[in-house]
């Protein structure tokens, strides 16, 4: 197997493929309350302990169709989120062990280097808002919640930290600061990728536009900036175009399989793999700073398989 170079170096050399959705793939398995730790339904991250074979199977399926990277099943494993399920005091150990599970799956593959990305989703609070319940929290609590998570992920062997599906730019700043603190604590640094989630109008939940979001965090020692979740690729076009024009950081684009549609109270994602791949191919052709692509909600192995073909075809063209 070729040498495994750091992810921040790799993304400058080639376009990197992330995996697809975790949450919607778990839903397809129809988990019952008894599948979750202590019967705490909805605690998807906890399935890494009670149903590790499920999580390994999802990881493995993406690697089998050519994903370079898989994300840890730790989207909701910051300390504040884990406290909701009664596991806040186990934050470091939870993240470490879940990261190790993902690493163990990548080690099954010897055809090329595979990478594990530490997923760090939002806390559920909105520190920038004046909401009496969501906004009234000490900033140090949020920073600490992410710092402990980042420390656990690093100790578990991740190759990068991914701050994702972020809806409050202040929380993104706190998470980045937490990552840097975790680096000092562990004595190890890995790349930081900071993502924000935009609506179809190009704004975060509290109204921050992509320009303000990027300007706020781009000089905080991050290694890539990205967009994920909320919309499909079409709605991201204008934001990706603006980000590409900045020409300073590698970009990540990880959309849903189209805009979610409400069907009987459940979100349904209808964009077919080929359609999504065609749009993402246009991104790669038009915006050279897009260096990471993948899929978020509603995407599956078929979407990632098509994205693999897009990247390989692009590489073949460049080598002619």
C-alpha atoms as a PDB file:
ATOM      1  CA  UNK A   1       0.000   0.000   0.000  1.00  0.00           C
ATOM      2  CA  UNK A   2       1.200   3.496  -0.769  1.00  0.00           C
ATOM      3  CA  UNK A   3       2.334   5.709   2.074  1.00  0.00           C
ATOM      4  CA  UNK A   4      -0.432   7.397   4.047  1.00  0.00           C
ATOM      5  CA  UNK A   5       0.266  11.094   3.807  1.00  0.00           C
ATOM      6  CA  UNK A   6      -1.527  13.671   6.020  1.00  0.00           C
ATOM      7  CA  UNK A   7      -5.013  14.551   4.840  1.00  0.00           C
ATOM      8  CA  UNK A   8      -4.240  18.260   4.453  1.00  0.00           C
ATOM      9  CA  UNK A   9      -1.415  17.326   2.084  1.00  0.00           C
ATOM     10  CA  UNK A  10      -3.557  14.773   0.244  1.00  0.00           C
ATOM     11  CA  UNK A  11      -6.340  17.257  -0.511  1.00  0.00           C
ATOM     12  CA  UNK A  12      -3.837  19.505  -2.265  1.00  0.00           C
ATOM     13  CA  UNK A  13      -2.702  16.627  -4.463  1.00  0.00           C
ATOM     14  CA  UNK A  14      -6.064  15.078  -5.351  1.00  0.00           C
ATOM     15  CA  UNK A  15      -9.788  15.396  -4.812  1.00  0.00           C
ATOM     16  CA  UNK A  16     -10.772  13.471  -1.687  1.00  0.00           C
ATOM     17  CA  UNK A  17     -13.994  11.472  -1.374  1.00  0.00           C
ATOM     18  CA  UNK A  18     -15.862  11.368   1.928  1.00  0.00           C
ATOM     19  CA  UNK A  19     -18.564   8.850   2.767  1.00  0.00           C
ATOM     20  CA  UNK A  20     -22.329   9.284   2.665  1.00  0.00           C
ATOM     21  CA  UNK A  21     -24.979   9.542   5.347  1.00  0.00           C
ATOM     22  CA  UNK A  22     -24.839   7.738   8.663  1.00  0.00           C
ATOM     23  CA  UNK A  23     -28.143   8.755  10.254  1.00  0.00           C
ATOM     24  CA  UNK A  24     -30.432   7.858   7.348  1.00  0.00           C
ATOM     25  CA  UNK A  25     -28.561   4.569   6.878  1.00  0.00           C
ATOM     26  CA  UNK A  26     -29.149   3.728  10.547  1.00  0.00           C
ATOM     27  CA  UNK A  27     -32.851   4.486  10.060  1.00  0.00           C
ATOM     28  CA  UNK A  28     -32.998   1.883   7.288  1.00  0.00           C
ATOM     29  CA  UNK A  29     -32.039  -0.745   9.873  1.00  0.00           C
ATOM     30  CA  UNK A  30     -35.240   0.048  11.804  1.00  0.00           C
ATOM     31  CA  UNK A  31     -33.614   0.120  15.245  1.00  0.00           C
ATOM     32  CA  UNK A  32     -35.870  -0.725  18.173  1.00  0.00           C
ATOM     33  CA  UNK A  33     -35.667   0.901  21.621  1.00  0.00           C
ATOM     34  CA  UNK A  34     -33.872  -2.156  22.953  1.00  0.00           C
ATOM     35  CA  UNK A  35     -31.079  -1.658  20.391  1.00  0.00           C
ATOM     36  CA  UNK A  36     -29.961   1.581  22.053  1.00  0.00           C
ATOM     37  CA  UNK A  37     -27.971   1.908  25.304  1.00  0.00           C
ATOM     38  CA  UNK A  38     -30.388   1.697  28.243  1.00  0.00           C
ATOM     39  CA  UNK A  39     -33.241   1.725  25.719  1.00  0.00           C
ATOM     40  CA  UNK A  40     -32.621   5.422  24.979  1.00  0.00           C
ATOM     41  CA  UNK A  41     -34.221   5.590  21.550  1.00  0.00           C
ATOM     42  CA  UNK A  42     -32.627   7.989  19.079  1.00  0.00           C
ATOM     43  CA  UNK A  43     -29.178   7.752  20.667  1.00  0.00           C
ATOM     44  CA  UNK A  44     -27.526   6.838  17.359  1.00  0.00           C
ATOM     45  CA  UNK A  45     -23.968   7.335  18.576  1.00  0.00           C
ATOM     46  CA  UNK A  46     -24.600   4.795  21.328  1.00  0.00           C
ATOM     47  CA  UNK A  47     -25.251   2.114  18.714  1.00  0.00           C
ATOM     48  CA  UNK A  48     -21.474   1.999  18.292  1.00  0.00           C
ATOM     49  CA  UNK A  49     -21.470   0.078  21.591  1.00  0.00           C
ATOM     50  CA  UNK A  50     -24.712  -1.875  21.500  1.00  0.00           C
ATOM     51  CA  UNK A  51     -24.766  -2.645  17.754  1.00  0.00           C
ATOM     52  CA  UNK A  52     -21.157  -2.117  16.617  1.00  0.00           C
ATOM     53  CA  UNK A  53     -21.668  -4.525  13.723  1.00  0.00           C
ATOM     54  CA  UNK A  54     -24.256  -2.118  12.246  1.00  0.00           C
ATOM     55  CA  UNK A  55     -21.897   0.840  12.367  1.00  0.00           C
ATOM     56  CA  UNK A  56     -18.990  -1.203  11.006  1.00  0.00           C
ATOM     57  CA  UNK A  57     -21.179  -2.408   8.148  1.00  0.00           C
ATOM     58  CA  UNK A  58     -22.117   1.162   7.197  1.00  0.00           C
ATOM     59  CA  UNK A  59     -18.480   2.285   7.360  1.00  0.00           C
ATOM     60  CA  UNK A  60     -17.367  -0.733   5.357  1.00  0.00           C
ATOM     61  CA  UNK A  61     -20.004  -0.235   2.663  1.00  0.00           C
ATOM     62  CA  UNK A  62     -18.691   3.244   1.867  1.00  0.00           C
ATOM     63  CA  UNK A  63     -15.074   2.127   1.794  1.00  0.00           C
ATOM     64  CA  UNK A  64     -15.985  -0.748  -0.520  1.00  0.00           C
ATOM     65  CA  UNK A  65     -17.287   1.676  -3.175  1.00  0.00           C
ATOM     66  CA  UNK A  66     -14.172   3.815  -3.014  1.00  0.00           C
ATOM     67  CA  UNK A  67     -14.572   6.417  -0.269  1.00  0.00           C
ATOM     68  CA  UNK A  68     -11.205   7.739   0.884  1.00  0.00           C
ATOM     69  CA  UNK A  69     -12.604   8.790   4.254  1.00  0.00           C
ATOM     70  CA  UNK A  70     -15.257   7.702   6.718  1.00  0.00           C
ATOM     71  CA  UNK A  71     -16.699   9.874   9.461  1.00  0.00           C
ATOM     72  CA  UNK A  72     -16.908   8.591  13.019  1.00  0.00           C
ATOM     73  CA  UNK A  73     -20.365   7.941  14.452  1.00  0.00           C
ATOM     74  CA  UNK A  74     -19.866  10.799  16.925  1.00  0.00           C
ATOM     75  CA  UNK A  75     -22.032  13.537  15.431  1.00  0.00           C
ATOM     76  CA  UNK A  76     -23.861  13.915  18.746  1.00  0.00           C
ATOM     77  CA  UNK A  77     -21.023  13.020  21.099  1.00  0.00           C
ATOM     78  CA  UNK A  78     -19.956  16.388  22.432  1.00  0.00           C
ATOM     79  CA  UNK A  79     -20.339  16.583  26.217  1.00  0.00           C
ATOM     80  CA  UNK A  80     -23.548  18.640  26.160  1.00  0.00           C
ATOM     81  CA  UNK A  81     -25.270  16.224  23.794  1.00  0.00           C
ATOM     82  CA  UNK A  82     -24.121  13.155  25.692  1.00  0.00           C
ATOM     83  CA  UNK A  83     -25.450  14.667  28.919  1.00  0.00           C
ATOM     84  CA  UNK A  84     -28.935  14.495  27.402  1.00  0.00           C
ATOM     85  CA  UNK A  85     -28.599  10.705  27.452  1.00  0.00           C
ATOM     86  CA  UNK A  86     -26.785  10.507  30.772  1.00  0.00           C
ATOM     87  CA  UNK A  87     -23.305   9.874  29.391  1.00  0.00           C
ATOM     88  CA  UNK A  88     -21.679  13.297  29.664  1.00  0.00           C
ATOM     89  CA  UNK A  89     -19.048  12.085  32.110  1.00  0.00           C
ATOM     90  CA  UNK A  90     -17.935   9.484  29.546  1.00  0.00           C
ATOM     91  CA  UNK A  91     -17.373  11.942  26.705  1.00  0.00           C
ATOM     92  CA  UNK A  92     -13.652  11.357  26.240  1.00  0.00           C
ATOM     93  CA  UNK A  93     -13.884   7.570  26.423  1.00  0.00           C
ATOM     94  CA  UNK A  94     -16.944   7.437  24.146  1.00  0.00           C
ATOM     95  CA  UNK A  95     -15.249   9.419  21.409  1.00  0.00           C
ATOM     96  CA  UNK A  96     -11.987   7.521  21.729  1.00  0.00           C
ATOM     97  CA  UNK A  97     -13.643   4.113  21.427  1.00  0.00           C
ATOM     98  CA  UNK A  98     -15.961   5.119  18.570  1.00  0.00           C
ATOM     99  CA  UNK A  99     -12.971   6.526  16.669  1.00  0.00           C
ATOM    100  CA  UNK A 100     -11.075   3.287  17.260  1.00  0.00           C
ATOM    101  CA  UNK A 101     -14.015   1.329  15.845  1.00  0.00           C
ATOM    102  CA  UNK A 102     -13.852   3.352  12.613  1.00  0.00           C
ATOM    103  CA  UNK A 103     -10.069   2.998  12.449  1.00  0.00           C
ATOM    104  CA  UNK A 104     -10.413  -0.782  12.773  1.00  0.00           C
ATOM    105  CA  UNK A 105     -12.651  -0.871   9.692  1.00  0.00           C
ATOM    106  CA  UNK A 106     -10.220   1.182   7.594  1.00  0.00           C
ATOM    107  CA  UNK A 107      -7.488  -1.289   8.499  1.00  0.00           C
ATOM    108  CA  UNK A 108      -9.400  -3.995   6.624  1.00  0.00           C
ATOM    109  CA  UNK A 109      -8.525  -2.197   3.373  1.00  0.00           C
ATOM    110  CA  UNK A 110      -5.024  -2.321   1.912  1.00  0.00           C
ATOM    111  CA  UNK A 111      -5.599  -1.077  -1.654  1.00  0.00           C
ATOM    112  CA  UNK A 112      -4.961   2.557  -0.768  1.00  0.00           C
ATOM    113  CA  UNK A 113      -4.744   4.689   2.378  1.00  0.00           C
ATOM    114  CA  UNK A 114      -8.096   5.272   4.092  1.00  0.00           C
ATOM    115  CA  UNK A 115      -8.770   8.058   6.563  1.00  0.00           C
ATOM    116  CA  UNK A 116     -10.986   8.494   9.607  1.00  0.00           C
ATOM    117  CA  UNK A 117     -12.617  11.869  10.140  1.00  0.00           C
ATOM    118  CA  UNK A 118     -13.773  12.844  13.626  1.00  0.00           C
ATOM    119  CA  UNK A 119     -17.341  14.103  13.336  1.00  0.00           C
ATOM    120  CA  UNK A 120     -18.268  16.973  15.676  1.00  0.00           C
ATOM    121  CA  UNK A 121     -21.885  18.058  15.303  1.00  0.00           C
ATOM    122  CA  UNK A 122     -23.618  20.982  17.054  1.00  0.00           C
ATOM    123  CA  UNK A 123     -24.403  21.111  20.770  1.00  0.00           C
ATOM    124  CA  UNK A 124     -28.053  21.996  20.255  1.00  0.00           C
ATOM    125  CA  UNK A 125     -27.497  25.440  21.752  1.00  0.00           C
ATOM    126  CA  UNK A 126     -27.371  28.730  19.840  1.00  0.00           C
ATOM    127  CA  UNK A 127     -24.984  30.976  21.796  1.00  0.00           C
ATOM    128  CA  UNK A 128     -25.481  33.924  19.421  1.00  0.00           C
ATOM    129  CA  UNK A 129     -29.238  34.018  19.998  1.00  0.00           C
ATOM    130  CA  UNK A 130     -31.348  35.615  22.697  1.00  0.00           C
ATOM    131  CA  UNK A 131     -33.507  32.525  23.023  1.00  0.00           C
ATOM    132  CA  UNK A 132     -34.235  31.982  26.742  1.00  0.00           C
ATOM    133  CA  UNK A 133     -33.362  28.279  26.571  1.00  0.00           C
ATOM    134  CA  UNK A 134     -30.989  27.840  23.629  1.00  0.00           C
ATOM    135  CA  UNK A 135     -29.015  31.056  23.961  1.00  0.00           C
ATOM    136  CA  UNK A 136     -28.445  31.252  27.693  1.00  0.00           C
ATOM    137  CA  UNK A 137     -25.331  29.161  28.112  1.00  0.00           C
ATOM    138  CA  UNK A 138     -21.785  30.051  29.105  1.00  0.00           C
ATOM    139  CA  UNK A 139     -19.407  30.055  26.165  1.00  0.00           C
ATOM    140  CA  UNK A 140     -16.847  28.132  28.199  1.00  0.00           C
ATOM    141  CA  UNK A 141     -19.345  25.277  28.562  1.00  0.00           C
ATOM    142  CA  UNK A 142     -19.645  24.942  24.802  1.00  0.00           C
ATOM    143  CA  UNK A 143     -15.900  25.201  24.302  1.00  0.00           C
ATOM    144  CA  UNK A 144     -15.261  22.554  26.950  1.00  0.00           C
ATOM    145  CA  UNK A 145     -17.902  20.245  25.461  1.00  0.00           C
ATOM    146  CA  UNK A 146     -16.039  20.269  22.153  1.00  0.00           C
ATOM    147  CA  UNK A 147     -12.561  20.168  23.694  1.00  0.00           C
ATOM    148  CA  UNK A 148     -13.229  16.900  25.512  1.00  0.00           C
ATOM    149  CA  UNK A 149     -14.776  15.414  22.373  1.00  0.00           C
ATOM    150  CA  UNK A 150     -11.841  16.501  20.200  1.00  0.00           C
ATOM    151  CA  UNK A 151      -9.390  15.061  22.724  1.00  0.00           C
ATOM    152  CA  UNK A 152     -11.149  11.698  22.669  1.00  0.00           C
ATOM    153  CA  UNK A 153     -11.249  11.609  18.873  1.00  0.00           C
ATOM    154  CA  UNK A 154      -7.547  12.434  18.614  1.00  0.00           C
ATOM    155  CA  UNK A 155      -6.660   9.742  21.143  1.00  0.00           C
ATOM    156  CA  UNK A 156      -8.808   7.331  19.128  1.00  0.00           C
ATOM    157  CA  UNK A 157      -6.672   7.897  16.058  1.00  0.00           C
ATOM    158  CA  UNK A 158      -8.650  10.197  13.739  1.00  0.00           C
ATOM    159  CA  UNK A 159      -6.873  11.806  10.803  1.00  0.00           C
ATOM    160  CA  UNK A 160      -8.845  15.075  10.944  1.00  0.00           C
ATOM    161  CA  UNK A 161     -11.544  16.847  12.944  1.00  0.00           C
ATOM    162  CA  UNK A 162     -14.725  17.895  11.165  1.00  0.00           C
ATOM    163  CA  UNK A 163     -16.912  20.587  12.717  1.00  0.00           C
ATOM    164  CA  UNK A 164     -20.116  19.983  10.794  1.00  0.00           C
ATOM    165  CA  UNK A 165     -23.745  20.955  10.285  1.00  0.00           C
ATOM    166  CA  UNK A 166     -23.067  24.178  12.171  1.00  0.00           C
ATOM    167  CA  UNK A 167     -25.879  26.710  12.421  1.00  0.00           C
ATOM    168  CA  UNK A 168     -24.339  29.343  14.704  1.00  0.00           C
ATOM    169  CA  UNK A 169     -21.021  30.874  13.663  1.00  0.00           C
ATOM    170  CA  UNK A 170     -20.132  31.660  17.280  1.00  0.00           C
ATOM    171  CA  UNK A 171     -20.400  27.961  18.087  1.00  0.00           C
ATOM    172  CA  UNK A 172     -18.094  27.207  15.143  1.00  0.00           C
ATOM    173  CA  UNK A 173     -15.511  29.613  16.578  1.00  0.00           C
ATOM    174  CA  UNK A 174     -15.754  27.944  19.980  1.00  0.00           C
ATOM    175  CA  UNK A 175     -15.364  24.501  18.425  1.00  0.00           C
ATOM    176  CA  UNK A 176     -12.245  25.589  16.514  1.00  0.00           C
ATOM    177  CA  UNK A 177     -10.759  27.048  19.688  1.00  0.00           C
ATOM    178  CA  UNK A 178     -11.571  23.762  21.432  1.00  0.00           C
ATOM    179  CA  UNK A 179      -9.728  21.778  18.766  1.00  0.00           C
ATOM    180  CA  UNK A 180      -6.594  23.862  19.244  1.00  0.00           C
ATOM    181  CA  UNK A 181      -6.816  23.335  23.009  1.00  0.00           C
ATOM    182  CA  UNK A 182      -7.136  19.582  22.450  1.00  0.00           C
ATOM    183  CA  UNK A 183      -4.015  19.644  20.268  1.00  0.00           C
ATOM    184  CA  UNK A 184      -2.026  21.182  23.112  1.00  0.00           C
ATOM    185  CA  UNK A 185      -3.456  18.705  25.598  1.00  0.00           C
ATOM    186  CA  UNK A 186      -2.716  15.616  23.500  1.00  0.00           C
ATOM    187  CA  UNK A 187       0.492  16.859  21.914  1.00  0.00           C
ATOM    188  CA  UNK A 188      -0.870  15.966  18.477  1.00  0.00           C
ATOM    189  CA  UNK A 189      -2.301  18.119  15.707  1.00  0.00           C
ATOM    190  CA  UNK A 190      -4.609  16.950  12.926  1.00  0.00           C
ATOM    191  CA  UNK A 191      -6.296  19.042  10.217  1.00  0.00           C
ATOM    192  CA  UNK A 192      -9.425  21.005  11.154  1.00  0.00           C
ATOM    193  CA  UNK A 193     -12.272  21.236   8.655  1.00  0.00           C
ATOM    194  CA  UNK A 194     -14.938  23.789   9.593  1.00  0.00           C
ATOM    195  CA  UNK A 195     -18.322  23.376   7.953  1.00  0.00           C
ATOM    196  CA  UNK A 196     -21.409  25.541   8.052  1.00  0.00           C
ATOM    197  CA  UNK A 197     -24.946  24.682   7.060  1.00  0.00           C
ATOM    198  CA  UNK A 198     -26.835  27.140   4.867  1.00  0.00           C
ATOM    199  CA  UNK A 199     -30.458  27.346   3.826  1.00  0.00           C
ATOM    200  CA  UNK A 200     -31.452  27.691   0.175  1.00  0.00           C
ATOM    201  CA  UNK A 201     -30.872  31.441   0.441  1.00  0.00           C
ATOM    202  CA  UNK A 202     -27.249  30.966   1.495  1.00  0.00           C
ATOM    203  CA  UNK A 203     -27.685  31.849   5.159  1.00  0.00           C
ATOM    204  CA  UNK A 204     -27.153  30.052   8.452  1.00  0.00           C
ATOM    205  CA  UNK A 205     -30.053  29.586  10.848  1.00  0.00           C
ATOM    206  CA  UNK A 206     -29.460  32.905  12.639  1.00  0.00           C
ATOM    207  CA  UNK A 207     -29.003  34.871   9.414  1.00  0.00           C
ATOM    208  CA  UNK A 208     -25.216  34.783   8.963  1.00  0.00           C
ATOM    209  CA  UNK A 209     -24.379  34.650   5.253  1.00  0.00           C
ATOM    210  CA  UNK A 210     -21.589  32.560   3.799  1.00  0.00           C
ATOM    211  CA  UNK A 211     -19.333  35.576   3.332  1.00  0.00           C
ATOM    212  CA  UNK A 212     -19.520  36.545   7.004  1.00  0.00           C
ATOM    213  CA  UNK A 213     -19.147  32.937   8.140  1.00  0.00           C
ATOM    214  CA  UNK A 214     -16.039  32.391   6.053  1.00  0.00           C
ATOM    215  CA  UNK A 215     -14.456  35.692   7.064  1.00  0.00           C
ATOM    216  CA  UNK A 216     -15.094  34.912  10.734  1.00  0.00           C
ATOM    217  CA  UNK A 217     -13.234  31.587  10.863  1.00  0.00           C
ATOM    218  CA  UNK A 218     -10.883  31.428   7.866  1.00  0.00           C
ATOM    219  CA  UNK A 219      -7.949  32.869   9.824  1.00  0.00           C
ATOM    220  CA  UNK A 220      -8.401  30.649  12.892  1.00  0.00           C
ATOM    221  CA  UNK A 221      -5.919  27.976  11.888  1.00  0.00           C
ATOM    222  CA  UNK A 222      -8.342  25.756   9.990  1.00  0.00           C
ATOM    223  CA  UNK A 223      -7.202  23.619   7.074  1.00  0.00           C
ATOM    224  CA  UNK A 224     -10.391  23.588   5.004  1.00  0.00           C
ATOM    225  CA  UNK A 225     -13.810  25.261   4.955  1.00  0.00           C
ATOM    226  CA  UNK A 226     -16.980  23.631   3.803  1.00  0.00           C
ATOM    227  CA  UNK A 227     -20.713  23.377   3.342  1.00  0.00           C
ATOM    228  CA  UNK A 228     -22.751  20.373   4.370  1.00  0.00           C
ATOM    229  CA  UNK A 229     -26.326  19.270   4.958  1.00  0.00           C
ATOM    230  CA  UNK A 230     -29.565  21.315   4.834  1.00  0.00           C
ATOM    231  CA  UNK A 231     -29.824  21.476   1.026  1.00  0.00           C
ATOM    232  CA  UNK A 232     -28.926  19.594  -2.089  1.00  0.00           C
ATOM    233  CA  UNK A 233     -26.016  20.603  -4.325  1.00  0.00           C
ATOM    234  CA  UNK A 234     -28.037  22.918  -6.564  1.00  0.00           C
ATOM    235  CA  UNK A 235     -28.840  25.303  -3.729  1.00  0.00           C
ATOM    236  CA  UNK A 236     -25.123  25.496  -2.850  1.00  0.00           C
ATOM    237  CA  UNK A 237     -23.938  26.743  -6.251  1.00  0.00           C
ATOM    238  CA  UNK A 238     -23.764  30.485  -5.551  1.00  0.00           C
ATOM    239  CA  UNK A 239     -22.085  29.952  -2.169  1.00  0.00           C
ATOM    240  CA  UNK A 240     -19.512  27.548  -3.613  1.00  0.00           C
ATOM    241  CA  UNK A 241     -18.799  30.005  -6.424  1.00  0.00           C
ATOM    242  CA  UNK A 242     -18.102  32.809  -3.941  1.00  0.00           C
ATOM    243  CA  UNK A 243     -15.950  30.588  -1.726  1.00  0.00           C
ATOM    244  CA  UNK A 244     -13.924  29.415  -4.706  1.00  0.00           C
ATOM    245  CA  UNK A 245     -13.192  33.036  -5.643  1.00  0.00           C
ATOM    246  CA  UNK A 246     -11.535  33.600  -2.260  1.00  0.00           C
ATOM    247  CA  UNK A 247      -8.798  31.197  -3.370  1.00  0.00           C
ATOM    248  CA  UNK A 248      -7.338  30.734   0.095  1.00  0.00           C
ATOM    249  CA  UNK A 249      -8.582  27.478   1.666  1.00  0.00           C
ATOM    250  CA  UNK A 250      -9.435  24.071   0.231  1.00  0.00           C
ATOM    251  CA  UNK A 251     -13.208  23.638   0.107  1.00  0.00           C
ATOM    252  CA  UNK A 252     -15.477  20.779   1.146  1.00  0.00           C
ATOM    253  CA  UNK A 253     -18.906  20.299  -0.444  1.00  0.00           C
ATOM    254  CA  UNK A 254     -21.103  17.604   1.130  1.00  0.00           C
ATOM    255  CA  UNK A 255     -24.770  18.141   0.216  1.00  0.00           C
ATOM    256  CA  UNK A 256     -27.882  16.156   0.962  1.00  0.00           C
ATOM    257  CA  UNK A 257     -29.490  14.048  -1.735  1.00  0.00           C
ATOM    258  CA  UNK A 258     -31.574  17.073  -2.667  1.00  0.00           C
ATOM    259  CA  UNK A 259     -33.797  19.282  -0.547  1.00  0.00           C
ATOM    260  CA  UNK A 260     -35.697  17.244   2.047  1.00  0.00           C
ATOM    261  CA  UNK A 261     -39.408  16.693   1.422  1.00  0.00           C
ATOM    262  CA  UNK A 262     -41.797  16.099   4.301  1.00  0.00           C
ATOM    263  CA  UNK A 263     -43.636  12.795   3.887  1.00  0.00           C
ATOM    264  CA  UNK A 264     -45.844  11.873   6.810  1.00  0.00           C
ATOM    265  CA  UNK A 265     -43.603  13.684   9.252  1.00  0.00           C
ATOM    266  CA  UNK A 266     -40.399  12.154   7.895  1.00  0.00           C
ATOM    267  CA  UNK A 267     -37.769  13.756   5.674  1.00  0.00           C
ATOM    268  CA  UNK A 268     -37.433  12.154   2.253  1.00  0.00           C
ATOM    269  CA  UNK A 269     -34.475  12.800  -0.068  1.00  0.00           C
ATOM    270  CA  UNK A 270     -35.207  12.147  -3.733  1.00  0.00           C
ATOM    271  CA  UNK A 271     -32.106  13.167  -5.699  1.00  0.00           C
ATOM    272  CA  UNK A 272     -30.820  10.163  -7.602  1.00  0.00           C
ATOM    273  CA  UNK A 273     -27.116   9.287  -7.495  1.00  0.00           C
ATOM    274  CA  UNK A 274     -26.472  10.114 -11.160  1.00  0.00           C
ATOM    275  CA  UNK A 275     -28.151  13.528 -10.944  1.00  0.00           C
ATOM    276  CA  UNK A 276     -26.171  14.431  -7.842  1.00  0.00           C
ATOM    277  CA  UNK A 277     -22.951  13.208  -9.418  1.00  0.00           C
ATOM    278  CA  UNK A 278     -23.512  15.327 -12.530  1.00  0.00           C
ATOM    279  CA  UNK A 279     -23.898  18.494 -10.470  1.00  0.00           C
ATOM    280  CA  UNK A 280     -20.868  17.654  -8.362  1.00  0.00           C
ATOM    281  CA  UNK A 281     -18.857  17.020 -11.547  1.00  0.00           C
ATOM    282  CA  UNK A 282     -19.706  20.551 -12.630  1.00  0.00           C
ATOM    283  CA  UNK A 283     -18.425  21.824  -9.270  1.00  0.00           C
ATOM    284  CA  UNK A 284     -15.110  20.066  -9.781  1.00  0.00           C
ATOM    285  CA  UNK A 285     -14.790  21.403 -13.329  1.00  0.00           C
ATOM    286  CA  UNK A 286     -15.700  24.993 -12.495  1.00  0.00           C
ATOM    287  CA  UNK A 287     -14.349  25.453  -8.957  1.00  0.00           C
ATOM    288  CA  UNK A 288     -10.792  24.127  -8.581  1.00  0.00           C
ATOM    289  CA  UNK A 289     -10.648  24.903  -4.853  1.00  0.00           C
ATOM    290  CA  UNK A 290     -13.271  22.215  -4.166  1.00  0.00           C
ATOM    291  CA  UNK A 291     -11.001  19.450  -2.888  1.00  0.00           C
ATOM    292  CA  UNK A 292     -13.394  17.287  -0.840  1.00  0.00           C
ATOM    293  CA  UNK A 293     -16.800  15.983  -1.847  1.00  0.00           C
ATOM    294  CA  UNK A 294     -19.184  13.504  -0.275  1.00  0.00           C
ATOM    295  CA  UNK A 295     -22.788  13.038   0.727  1.00  0.00           C
ATOM    296  CA  UNK A 296     -24.928  14.022   3.703  1.00  0.00           C
ATOM    297  CA  UNK A 297     -28.537  13.137   4.560  1.00  0.00           C
ATOM    298  CA  UNK A 298     -30.252  10.762   2.179  1.00  0.00           C
ATOM    299  CA  UNK A 299     -27.091   9.701   0.379  1.00  0.00           C
ATOM    300  CA  UNK A 300     -26.040   6.076   0.300  1.00  0.00           C
ATOM    301  CA  UNK A 301     -23.431   3.790  -1.255  1.00  0.00           C
ATOM    302  CA  UNK A 302     -24.858   4.386  -4.727  1.00  0.00           C
ATOM    303  CA  UNK A 303     -24.347   8.136  -4.422  1.00  0.00           C
ATOM    304  CA  UNK A 304     -20.776   7.640  -3.214  1.00  0.00           C
ATOM    305  CA  UNK A 305     -20.081   5.119  -5.967  1.00  0.00           C
ATOM    306  CA  UNK A 306     -21.152   7.664  -8.598  1.00  0.00           C
ATOM    307  CA  UNK A 307     -19.038  10.367  -6.947  1.00  0.00           C
ATOM    308  CA  UNK A 308     -16.054   7.996  -7.067  1.00  0.00           C
ATOM    309  CA  UNK A 309     -16.518   7.695 -10.841  1.00  0.00           C
ATOM    310  CA  UNK A 310     -16.704  11.476 -11.167  1.00  0.00           C
ATOM    311  CA  UNK A 311     -13.413  11.938  -9.314  1.00  0.00           C
ATOM    312  CA  UNK A 312     -11.676   9.158 -11.248  1.00  0.00           C
ATOM    313  CA  UNK A 313     -12.841  10.545 -14.599  1.00  0.00           C
ATOM    314  CA  UNK A 314     -11.617  13.990 -13.579  1.00  0.00           C
ATOM    315  CA  UNK A 315      -8.215  12.539 -12.621  1.00  0.00           C
ATOM    316  CA  UNK A 316      -7.981  10.698 -15.960  1.00  0.00           C
ATOM    317  CA  UNK A 317      -8.711  13.912 -17.871  1.00  0.00           C
ATOM    318  CA  UNK A 318      -6.040  15.786 -15.940  1.00  0.00           C
ATOM    319  CA  UNK A 319      -3.445  13.115 -16.719  1.00  0.00           C
ATOM    320  CA  UNK A 320      -3.999  13.185 -20.472  1.00  0.00           C
END
